[in-house]
Amino acid sequence: MAATWLGIEVALVSGRGHDYWPRPGRLIAAARKHTFADLAEAIDDAFARWDRAHLWEFRLSGGRAVGIPDPEWDRNIPDAARTRLSMLELGEQFAYTFDFGDDWAHVCTVLPKRIDPLEVLGIVPERPLPYWGWGDLPDQYGRRWMEDDGDSPIPPDPGRSDLPPLFPWWGDSR
């Protein structure tokens, strides 16, 4: 099993005009038979992307790109849904960019040794799956609460008075 599975470290470098340091990251288990489209979905899940209606691509060594072909955007690149991860080498680094407007850029590194999904996940998943992570993840649109448009002033902190009294320390403490 371990001979066909890769561990891929994915770290967020920048997005929405911000550089991130320390870089938040995730480890993703993926079989060599999975596609780059499968990996993109796992990365977007791991980095809490809600709106997936954006173009994305992987940039491999030598300037090769894999992504979503789109003749309207003059994107004549290999289709990520048909390109398997088996082309990746142990230790190889590549980039993933989500949303060409906000440019969420990630550096991806294939771990130097293959992994056994039963050891690291406890299961053999059908798709790539995140299994470790670190760092605070920024919201895709910069929102800090549900109604935020990304530019609103922060509302006053109600403490815990806005919570239902499901615990003794929640709700109105008067």
N, C-alpha and C. Protein backbone atom coordinates (compact mmCIF):
# COMPACT_ATOMS: atom_id res chain seq x y z
N MET A 1 0.83 -1.20 0.00
CA MET A 1 0.00 0.00 0.00
C MET A 1 0.87 1.26 0.00
N ALA A 2 1.89 1.30 0.86
CA ALA A 2 2.70 2.51 0.99
C ALA A 2 3.45 2.84 -0.29
N ALA A 3 3.67 1.85 -1.15
CA ALA A 3 4.43 2.11 -2.38
C ALA A 3 3.67 3.02 -3.34
N THR A 4 2.38 3.19 -3.15
CA THR A 4 1.60 4.00 -4.10
C THR A 4 1.09 5.30 -3.49
N TRP A 5 1.36 5.58 -2.23
CA TRP A 5 0.83 6.77 -1.57
C TRP A 5 1.92 7.79 -1.29
N LEU A 6 1.57 9.04 -1.53
CA LEU A 6 2.47 10.17 -1.28
C LEU A 6 1.95 10.99 -0.11
N GLY A 7 2.85 11.56 0.65
CA GLY A 7 2.52 12.60 1.60
C GLY A 7 2.93 13.91 0.94
N ILE A 8 2.03 14.86 0.91
CA ILE A 8 2.32 16.13 0.26
C ILE A 8 2.09 17.26 1.27
N GLU A 9 3.15 18.01 1.54
CA GLU A 9 3.05 19.18 2.41
C GLU A 9 2.61 20.37 1.55
N VAL A 10 1.56 21.06 2.00
CA VAL A 10 1.05 22.22 1.29
C VAL A 10 1.06 23.40 2.26
N ALA A 11 1.79 24.45 1.92
CA ALA A 11 1.89 25.63 2.78
C ALA A 11 1.39 26.85 2.01
N LEU A 12 0.58 27.66 2.68
CA LEU A 12 0.04 28.88 2.08
C LEU A 12 1.10 29.97 2.11
N VAL A 13 1.47 30.47 0.93
CA VAL A 13 2.50 31.50 0.81
C VAL A 13 1.87 32.89 0.81
N SER A 14 0.82 33.07 0.01
CA SER A 14 0.21 34.40 -0.12
C SER A 14 -1.21 34.29 -0.65
N GLY A 15 -1.94 35.39 -0.51
CA GLY A 15 -3.30 35.49 -1.04
C GLY A 15 -3.93 36.80 -0.64
N ARG A 16 -4.78 37.35 -1.54
CA ARG A 16 -5.46 38.63 -1.31
C ARG A 16 -4.47 39.73 -0.97
N GLY A 17 -3.27 39.69 -1.54
CA GLY A 17 -2.28 40.74 -1.35
C GLY A 17 -1.47 40.62 -0.07
N HIS A 18 -1.58 39.52 0.65
CA HIS A 18 -0.85 39.32 1.89
C HIS A 18 0.11 38.15 1.75
N ASP A 19 1.30 38.27 2.33
CA ASP A 19 2.22 37.16 2.47
C ASP A 19 2.03 36.60 3.87
N TYR A 20 2.11 35.29 4.01
CA TYR A 20 1.88 34.66 5.31
C TYR A 20 3.18 34.07 5.86
N TRP A 21 3.51 34.47 7.08
CA TRP A 21 4.63 33.90 7.81
C TRP A 21 4.34 33.95 9.29
N PRO A 22 4.51 32.89 10.02
CA PRO A 22 4.78 31.55 9.52
C PRO A 22 3.65 31.09 8.60
N ARG A 23 4.00 30.25 7.67
CA ARG A 23 3.02 29.81 6.68
C ARG A 23 2.12 28.70 7.25
N PRO A 24 0.79 28.92 7.21
CA PRO A 24 -0.09 27.83 7.62
C PRO A 24 0.01 26.69 6.60
N GLY A 25 -0.11 25.47 7.09
CA GLY A 25 0.04 24.36 6.16
C GLY A 25 -0.74 23.13 6.56
N ARG A 26 -0.78 22.20 5.64
CA ARG A 26 -1.46 20.93 5.84
C ARG A 26 -0.66 19.83 5.16
N LEU A 27 -0.74 18.62 5.72
CA LEU A 27 -0.20 17.44 5.06
C LEU A 27 -1.37 16.69 4.44
N ILE A 28 -1.19 16.24 3.22
CA ILE A 28 -2.25 15.56 2.49
C ILE A 28 -1.72 14.21 2.01
N ALA A 29 -2.50 13.16 2.28
CA ALA A 29 -2.19 11.83 1.78
C ALA A 29 -2.88 11.67 0.43
N ALA A 30 -2.13 11.23 -0.57
CA ALA A 30 -2.70 11.05 -1.90
C ALA A 30 -2.04 9.85 -2.59
N ALA A 31 -2.84 9.06 -3.25
CA ALA A 31 -2.30 7.93 -4.02
C ALA A 31 -1.79 8.44 -5.36
N ARG A 32 -0.82 7.76 -5.89
CA ARG A 32 -0.25 8.15 -7.18
C ARG A 32 -1.30 8.05 -8.29
N LYS A 33 -2.36 7.25 -8.09
CA LYS A 33 -3.42 7.12 -9.09
C LYS A 33 -4.39 8.30 -9.08
N HIS A 34 -4.38 9.09 -7.98
CA HIS A 34 -5.27 10.25 -7.92
C HIS A 34 -4.83 11.30 -8.94
N THR A 35 -5.75 12.18 -9.28
CA THR A 35 -5.45 13.23 -10.25
C THR A 35 -5.12 14.54 -9.55
N PHE A 36 -4.59 15.47 -10.33
CA PHE A 36 -4.33 16.81 -9.79
C PHE A 36 -5.63 17.49 -9.41
N ALA A 37 -6.73 17.19 -10.10
CA ALA A 37 -8.03 17.75 -9.72
C ALA A 37 -8.45 17.23 -8.35
N ASP A 38 -8.18 15.95 -8.08
CA ASP A 38 -8.47 15.39 -6.75
C ASP A 38 -7.65 16.11 -5.68
N LEU A 39 -6.37 16.36 -5.99
CA LEU A 39 -5.50 17.05 -5.04
C LEU A 39 -5.97 18.49 -4.81
N ALA A 40 -6.38 19.17 -5.87
CA ALA A 40 -6.88 20.54 -5.73
C ALA A 40 -8.08 20.59 -4.79
N GLU A 41 -8.99 19.62 -4.93
CA GLU A 41 -10.17 19.58 -4.07
C GLU A 41 -9.76 19.36 -2.61
N ALA A 42 -8.79 18.47 -2.38
CA ALA A 42 -8.32 18.22 -1.01
C ALA A 42 -7.66 19.46 -0.42
N ILE A 43 -6.88 20.18 -1.22
CA ILE A 43 -6.24 21.42 -0.74
C ILE A 43 -7.30 22.44 -0.40
N ASP A 44 -8.28 22.61 -1.28
CA ASP A 44 -9.33 23.60 -1.02
C ASP A 44 -10.17 23.23 0.21
N ASP A 45 -10.41 21.94 0.42
CA ASP A 45 -11.07 21.50 1.65
C ASP A 45 -10.22 21.85 2.86
N ALA A 46 -8.93 21.52 2.79
CA ALA A 46 -8.02 21.71 3.92
C ALA A 46 -7.83 23.18 4.27
N PHE A 47 -7.96 24.07 3.28
CA PHE A 47 -7.77 25.50 3.52
C PHE A 47 -9.10 26.26 3.59
N ALA A 48 -10.20 25.52 3.81
CA ALA A 48 -11.52 26.09 4.07
C ALA A 48 -12.02 27.03 2.98
N ARG A 49 -11.90 26.59 1.74
CA ARG A 49 -12.41 27.38 0.61
C ARG A 49 -13.87 27.02 0.39
N TRP A 50 -14.74 28.02 0.47
CA TRP A 50 -16.17 27.77 0.34
C TRP A 50 -16.64 28.00 -1.09
N ASP A 51 -16.13 29.02 -1.73
CA ASP A 51 -16.53 29.37 -3.08
C ASP A 51 -15.51 28.78 -4.05
N ARG A 52 -15.91 27.71 -4.73
CA ARG A 52 -14.98 27.00 -5.61
C ARG A 52 -15.14 27.44 -7.08
N ALA A 53 -15.91 28.47 -7.34
CA ALA A 53 -16.17 28.91 -8.71
C ALA A 53 -15.04 29.80 -9.23
N HIS A 54 -13.82 29.30 -9.14
CA HIS A 54 -12.64 30.05 -9.58
C HIS A 54 -11.71 29.11 -10.34
N LEU A 55 -10.95 29.67 -11.25
CA LEU A 55 -9.93 28.89 -11.92
C LEU A 55 -8.77 28.63 -10.96
N TRP A 56 -8.04 27.57 -11.21
CA TRP A 56 -6.88 27.21 -10.41
C TRP A 56 -5.92 26.44 -11.29
N GLU A 57 -4.67 26.33 -10.84
CA GLU A 57 -3.70 25.52 -11.57
C GLU A 57 -2.54 25.13 -10.68
N PHE A 58 -1.86 24.08 -11.12
CA PHE A 58 -0.61 23.66 -10.52
C PHE A 58 0.51 24.09 -11.47
N ARG A 59 1.60 24.59 -10.91
CA ARG A 59 2.78 24.96 -11.69
C ARG A 59 3.89 24.01 -11.26
N LEU A 60 4.33 23.18 -12.19
CA LEU A 60 5.35 22.18 -11.93
C LEU A 60 6.71 22.69 -12.36
N SER A 61 7.74 21.94 -12.01
CA SER A 61 9.10 22.34 -12.38
C SER A 61 9.20 22.47 -13.90
N GLY A 62 10.08 23.35 -14.35
CA GLY A 62 10.25 23.58 -15.78
C GLY A 62 9.15 24.43 -16.38
N GLY A 63 8.28 25.01 -15.53
CA GLY A 63 7.23 25.89 -16.03
C GLY A 63 5.99 25.18 -16.54
N ARG A 64 5.96 23.84 -16.42
CA ARG A 64 4.76 23.11 -16.86
C ARG A 64 3.59 23.45 -15.96
N ALA A 65 2.40 23.54 -16.55
CA ALA A 65 1.19 23.82 -15.78
C ALA A 65 0.18 22.71 -16.02
N VAL A 66 -0.63 22.44 -15.01
CA VAL A 66 -1.74 21.49 -15.08
C VAL A 66 -2.91 22.19 -14.43
N GLY A 67 -4.07 22.15 -15.06
CA GLY A 67 -5.21 22.83 -14.46
C GLY A 67 -6.51 22.56 -15.19
N ILE A 68 -7.31 23.61 -15.31
CA ILE A 68 -8.61 23.53 -15.97
C ILE A 68 -8.47 24.16 -17.35
N PRO A 69 -8.50 23.35 -18.41
CA PRO A 69 -8.44 23.94 -19.74
C PRO A 69 -9.69 24.79 -19.98
N ASP A 70 -9.50 25.94 -20.56
CA ASP A 70 -10.64 26.83 -20.82
C ASP A 70 -10.34 27.65 -22.07
N PRO A 71 -10.94 27.29 -23.22
CA PRO A 71 -10.66 28.01 -24.46
C PRO A 71 -11.05 29.49 -24.40
N GLU A 72 -12.08 29.83 -23.60
CA GLU A 72 -12.49 31.23 -23.48
C GLU A 72 -11.40 32.08 -22.83
N TRP A 73 -10.60 31.48 -21.97
CA TRP A 73 -9.50 32.18 -21.29
C TRP A 73 -8.15 31.87 -21.93
N ASP A 74 -8.18 31.21 -23.09
CA ASP A 74 -6.96 30.82 -23.79
C ASP A 74 -6.05 30.00 -22.88
N ARG A 75 -6.66 29.04 -22.18
CA ARG A 75 -5.92 28.16 -21.27
C ARG A 75 -5.83 26.79 -21.90
N ASN A 76 -4.84 26.60 -22.73
CA ASN A 76 -4.61 25.32 -23.39
C ASN A 76 -3.54 24.57 -22.60
N ILE A 77 -3.95 24.00 -21.46
CA ILE A 77 -3.02 23.28 -20.58
C ILE A 77 -3.55 21.88 -20.34
N PRO A 78 -2.68 20.96 -19.90
CA PRO A 78 -3.17 19.60 -19.59
C PRO A 78 -4.28 19.64 -18.54
N ASP A 79 -5.29 18.82 -18.75
CA ASP A 79 -6.47 18.76 -17.89
C ASP A 79 -6.11 18.05 -16.57
N ALA A 80 -6.28 18.77 -15.47
CA ALA A 80 -5.96 18.23 -14.14
C ALA A 80 -6.84 17.03 -13.79
N ALA A 81 -8.02 16.95 -14.38
CA ALA A 81 -8.92 15.82 -14.10
C ALA A 81 -8.44 14.54 -14.77
N ARG A 82 -7.48 14.65 -15.70
CA ARG A 82 -6.96 13.49 -16.42
C ARG A 82 -5.48 13.26 -16.16
N THR A 83 -4.85 14.14 -15.40
CA THR A 83 -3.42 14.04 -15.15
C THR A 83 -3.18 13.49 -13.76
N ARG A 84 -2.52 12.35 -13.68
CA ARG A 84 -2.34 11.64 -12.41
C ARG A 84 -1.11 12.14 -11.65
N LEU A 85 -1.17 11.98 -10.34
CA LEU A 85 -0.07 12.39 -9.46
C LEU A 85 1.15 11.49 -9.62
N SER A 86 1.02 10.40 -10.35
CA SER A 86 2.15 9.49 -10.54
C SER A 86 3.33 10.16 -11.23
N MET A 87 3.12 11.31 -11.84
CA MET A 87 4.22 12.03 -12.48
C MET A 87 5.10 12.76 -11.47
N LEU A 88 4.66 12.86 -10.21
CA LEU A 88 5.44 13.54 -9.18
C LEU A 88 6.54 12.64 -8.63
N GLU A 89 7.66 13.25 -8.30
CA GLU A 89 8.80 12.54 -7.72
C GLU A 89 8.89 12.83 -6.22
N LEU A 90 9.44 11.92 -5.46
CA LEU A 90 9.67 12.17 -4.04
C LEU A 90 10.57 13.40 -3.90
N GLY A 91 10.22 14.29 -2.98
CA GLY A 91 10.99 15.50 -2.74
C GLY A 91 10.69 16.64 -3.71
N GLU A 92 9.91 16.40 -4.74
CA GLU A 92 9.61 17.44 -5.74
C GLU A 92 8.78 18.57 -5.13
N GLN A 93 9.05 19.78 -5.58
CA GLN A 93 8.26 20.94 -5.16
C GLN A 93 7.51 21.49 -6.37
N PHE A 94 6.31 21.97 -6.11
CA PHE A 94 5.48 22.58 -7.15
C PHE A 94 4.55 23.57 -6.47
N ALA A 95 3.83 24.34 -7.26
CA ALA A 95 2.96 25.38 -6.72
C ALA A 95 1.51 25.10 -7.08
N TYR A 96 0.61 25.56 -6.22
CA TYR A 96 -0.84 25.51 -6.49
C TYR A 96 -1.38 26.92 -6.29
N THR A 97 -2.07 27.44 -7.29
CA THR A 97 -2.71 28.75 -7.18
C THR A 97 -4.20 28.57 -7.37
N PHE A 98 -4.97 29.10 -6.41
CA PHE A 98 -6.42 29.07 -6.44
C PHE A 98 -6.92 30.50 -6.61
N ASP A 99 -7.85 30.73 -7.53
CA ASP A 99 -8.48 32.04 -7.75
C ASP A 99 -7.46 33.04 -8.28
N PHE A 100 -7.42 33.20 -9.59
CA PHE A 100 -6.44 34.08 -10.22
C PHE A 100 -6.64 35.56 -9.91
N GLY A 101 -7.76 35.91 -9.29
CA GLY A 101 -7.97 37.30 -8.84
C GLY A 101 -7.30 37.54 -7.50
N ASP A 102 -7.56 36.65 -6.54
CA ASP A 102 -6.98 36.79 -5.20
C ASP A 102 -5.63 36.08 -5.08
N ASP A 103 -5.32 35.23 -6.02
CA ASP A 103 -4.01 34.56 -6.09
C ASP A 103 -3.60 33.90 -4.78
N TRP A 104 -4.38 32.92 -4.35
CA TRP A 104 -4.00 32.13 -3.18
C TRP A 104 -2.91 31.16 -3.63
N ALA A 105 -1.65 31.48 -3.32
CA ALA A 105 -0.50 30.71 -3.79
C ALA A 105 0.03 29.81 -2.68
N HIS A 106 0.29 28.57 -3.03
CA HIS A 106 0.78 27.56 -2.09
C HIS A 106 2.04 26.92 -2.64
N VAL A 107 2.97 26.59 -1.76
CA VAL A 107 4.11 25.78 -2.16
C VAL A 107 3.82 24.36 -1.68
N CYS A 108 3.98 23.41 -2.57
CA CYS A 108 3.69 22.01 -2.28
C CYS A 108 4.99 21.22 -2.37
N THR A 109 5.20 20.32 -1.41
CA THR A 109 6.41 19.50 -1.40
C THR A 109 6.03 18.06 -1.16
N VAL A 110 6.42 17.20 -2.09
CA VAL A 110 6.20 15.76 -1.90
C VAL A 110 7.21 15.30 -0.85
N LEU A 111 6.72 14.65 0.19
CA LEU A 111 7.61 14.17 1.25
C LEU A 111 8.65 13.21 0.69
N PRO A 112 9.81 13.09 1.34
CA PRO A 112 10.89 12.28 0.80
C PRO A 112 10.65 10.77 0.85
N LYS A 113 9.65 10.33 1.61
CA LYS A 113 9.32 8.91 1.67
C LYS A 113 7.83 8.73 1.44
N ARG A 114 7.46 7.63 0.83
CA ARG A 114 6.05 7.31 0.64
C ARG A 114 5.41 7.02 2.01
N ILE A 115 4.10 7.11 2.07
CA ILE A 115 3.39 6.88 3.32
C ILE A 115 2.43 5.71 3.19
N ASP A 116 2.05 5.15 4.32
CA ASP A 116 1.03 4.11 4.38
C ASP A 116 -0.23 4.77 4.93
N PRO A 117 -1.30 4.87 4.13
CA PRO A 117 -2.51 5.56 4.61
C PRO A 117 -3.11 4.91 5.86
N LEU A 118 -2.97 3.60 6.00
CA LEU A 118 -3.49 2.94 7.20
C LEU A 118 -2.76 3.42 8.45
N GLU A 119 -1.46 3.70 8.33
CA GLU A 119 -0.69 4.20 9.47
C GLU A 119 -1.02 5.65 9.81
N VAL A 120 -1.10 6.51 8.78
CA VAL A 120 -1.28 7.94 9.07
C VAL A 120 -2.74 8.36 9.16
N LEU A 121 -3.65 7.63 8.50
CA LEU A 121 -5.06 8.00 8.51
C LEU A 121 -5.95 7.01 9.26
N GLY A 122 -5.50 5.76 9.32
CA GLY A 122 -6.33 4.72 9.90
C GLY A 122 -7.31 4.13 8.91
N ILE A 123 -7.32 4.65 7.68
CA ILE A 123 -8.21 4.17 6.62
C ILE A 123 -7.46 4.31 5.29
N VAL A 124 -8.04 3.74 4.25
CA VAL A 124 -7.55 3.96 2.89
C VAL A 124 -8.66 4.74 2.18
N PRO A 125 -8.52 6.06 2.10
CA PRO A 125 -9.60 6.88 1.51
C PRO A 125 -9.66 6.74 -0.01
N GLU A 126 -10.82 7.05 -0.56
CA GLU A 126 -10.99 7.01 -2.01
C GLU A 126 -10.35 8.21 -2.68
N ARG A 127 -10.20 9.31 -1.94
CA ARG A 127 -9.66 10.55 -2.49
C ARG A 127 -8.53 11.05 -1.60
N PRO A 128 -7.73 11.99 -2.09
CA PRO A 128 -6.70 12.59 -1.21
C PRO A 128 -7.35 13.18 0.03
N LEU A 129 -6.64 13.08 1.15
CA LEU A 129 -7.22 13.49 2.43
C LEU A 129 -6.17 14.17 3.30
N PRO A 130 -6.51 15.37 3.84
CA PRO A 130 -5.58 16.01 4.79
C PRO A 130 -5.49 15.18 6.07
N TYR A 131 -4.27 15.14 6.66
CA TYR A 131 -4.12 14.37 7.88
C TYR A 131 -3.32 15.08 8.96
N TRP A 132 -2.85 16.27 8.71
CA TRP A 132 -2.14 17.04 9.73
C TRP A 132 -2.15 18.48 9.30
N GLY A 133 -2.10 19.39 10.27
CA GLY A 133 -2.09 20.80 9.89
C GLY A 133 -1.62 21.70 11.00
N TRP A 134 -1.35 22.95 10.63
CA TRP A 134 -0.86 23.96 11.56
C TRP A 134 -1.21 25.35 11.01
N GLY A 135 -1.28 26.30 11.91
CA GLY A 135 -1.45 27.70 11.53
C GLY A 135 -2.90 28.12 11.37
N ASP A 136 -3.10 29.44 11.46
CA ASP A 136 -4.42 30.03 11.28
C ASP A 136 -4.70 30.21 9.80
N LEU A 137 -5.90 29.82 9.38
CA LEU A 137 -6.28 29.94 7.98
C LEU A 137 -7.07 31.21 7.76
N PRO A 138 -6.65 32.04 6.81
CA PRO A 138 -7.43 33.25 6.50
C PRO A 138 -8.69 32.88 5.73
N ASP A 139 -9.73 33.67 5.92
CA ASP A 139 -10.97 33.46 5.17
C ASP A 139 -10.73 33.82 3.71
N GLN A 140 -11.36 33.09 2.83
CA GLN A 140 -11.19 33.27 1.39
C GLN A 140 -11.47 34.71 0.95
N TYR A 141 -12.42 35.37 1.58
CA TYR A 141 -12.76 36.75 1.20
C TYR A 141 -12.44 37.77 2.29
N GLY A 142 -11.71 37.37 3.31
CA GLY A 142 -11.32 38.29 4.37
C GLY A 142 -12.41 38.54 5.40
N ARG A 143 -13.45 37.73 5.41
CA ARG A 143 -14.56 37.92 6.36
C ARG A 143 -14.13 37.47 7.75
N ARG A 144 -14.63 38.19 8.75
CA ARG A 144 -14.30 37.85 10.14
C ARG A 144 -15.51 37.37 10.91
N TRP A 145 -16.72 37.56 10.40
CA TRP A 145 -17.95 37.03 10.96
C TRP A 145 -18.93 36.88 9.81
N MET A 146 -20.07 36.25 10.04
CA MET A 146 -20.97 35.85 8.96
C MET A 146 -21.43 37.01 8.07
N GLU A 147 -21.79 38.14 8.63
CA GLU A 147 -22.32 39.24 7.84
C GLU A 147 -21.24 40.20 7.34
N ASP A 148 -20.00 39.94 7.66
CA ASP A 148 -18.89 40.83 7.30
C ASP A 148 -18.71 40.88 5.79
N ASP A 149 -18.47 42.06 5.28
CA ASP A 149 -18.16 42.22 3.86
C ASP A 149 -16.65 42.31 3.64
N GLY A 150 -15.88 42.15 4.69
CA GLY A 150 -14.43 42.22 4.60
C GLY A 150 -13.88 43.59 4.94
N ASP A 151 -14.75 44.62 4.98
CA ASP A 151 -14.32 45.98 5.27
C ASP A 151 -15.04 46.61 6.45
N SER A 152 -15.99 45.90 7.03
CA SER A 152 -16.80 46.45 8.12
C SER A 152 -15.98 46.61 9.39
N PRO A 153 -16.32 47.61 10.22
CA PRO A 153 -15.66 47.69 11.53
C PRO A 153 -16.10 46.52 12.40
N ILE A 154 -15.22 46.09 13.29
CA ILE A 154 -15.54 44.97 14.17
C ILE A 154 -16.62 45.42 15.15
N PRO A 155 -17.71 44.64 15.28
CA PRO A 155 -18.77 45.01 16.23
C PRO A 155 -18.29 44.84 17.67
N PRO A 156 -18.99 45.47 18.62
CA PRO A 156 -18.61 45.31 20.03
C PRO A 156 -18.69 43.84 20.45
N ASP A 157 -17.77 43.43 21.29
CA ASP A 157 -17.72 42.05 21.78
C ASP A 157 -18.77 41.88 22.87
N PRO A 158 -19.75 40.98 22.67
CA PRO A 158 -20.79 40.77 23.69
C PRO A 158 -20.34 39.85 24.82
N GLY A 159 -19.06 39.47 24.81
CA GLY A 159 -18.62 38.46 25.79
C GLY A 159 -19.30 37.15 25.44
N ARG A 160 -20.00 36.60 26.40
CA ARG A 160 -20.76 35.37 26.13
C ARG A 160 -22.26 35.60 26.31
N SER A 161 -22.67 36.86 26.42
CA SER A 161 -24.08 37.16 26.69
C SER A 161 -24.99 36.83 25.51
N ASP A 162 -24.45 36.68 24.31
CA ASP A 162 -25.28 36.35 23.15
C ASP A 162 -25.48 34.85 22.96
N LEU A 163 -24.85 34.04 23.83
CA LEU A 163 -24.94 32.59 23.70
C LEU A 163 -26.12 32.04 24.50
N PRO A 164 -26.74 30.97 24.01
CA PRO A 164 -27.83 30.34 24.79
C PRO A 164 -27.24 29.71 26.05
N PRO A 165 -27.99 29.65 27.13
CA PRO A 165 -27.45 29.14 28.40
C PRO A 165 -27.33 27.61 28.44
N LEU A 166 -26.59 27.07 27.49
CA LEU A 166 -26.41 25.62 27.44
C LEU A 166 -25.30 25.15 28.37
N PHE A 167 -24.44 26.04 28.77
CA PHE A 167 -23.42 25.81 29.79
C PHE A 167 -23.57 26.91 30.82
N PRO A 168 -23.16 26.65 32.07
CA PRO A 168 -23.30 27.68 33.11
C PRO A 168 -22.54 28.97 32.76
N TRP A 169 -21.48 28.87 32.00
CA TRP A 169 -20.66 30.05 31.69
C TRP A 169 -21.10 30.76 30.40
N TRP A 170 -22.19 30.26 29.77
CA TRP A 170 -22.74 30.93 28.58
C TRP A 170 -24.00 31.70 28.99
N GLY A 171 -24.34 32.65 28.16
CA GLY A 171 -25.58 33.38 28.34
C GLY A 171 -25.41 34.56 29.28
N ASP A 172 -26.54 35.11 29.65
CA ASP A 172 -26.57 36.29 30.51
C ASP A 172 -26.06 35.92 31.90
N SER A 173 -25.01 36.56 32.34
CA SER A 173 -24.43 36.21 33.65
C SER A 173 -24.93 37.11 34.77
N ARG A 174 -25.99 37.86 34.52
CA ARG A 174 -26.52 38.73 35.58
C ARG A 174 -27.26 37.99 36.63
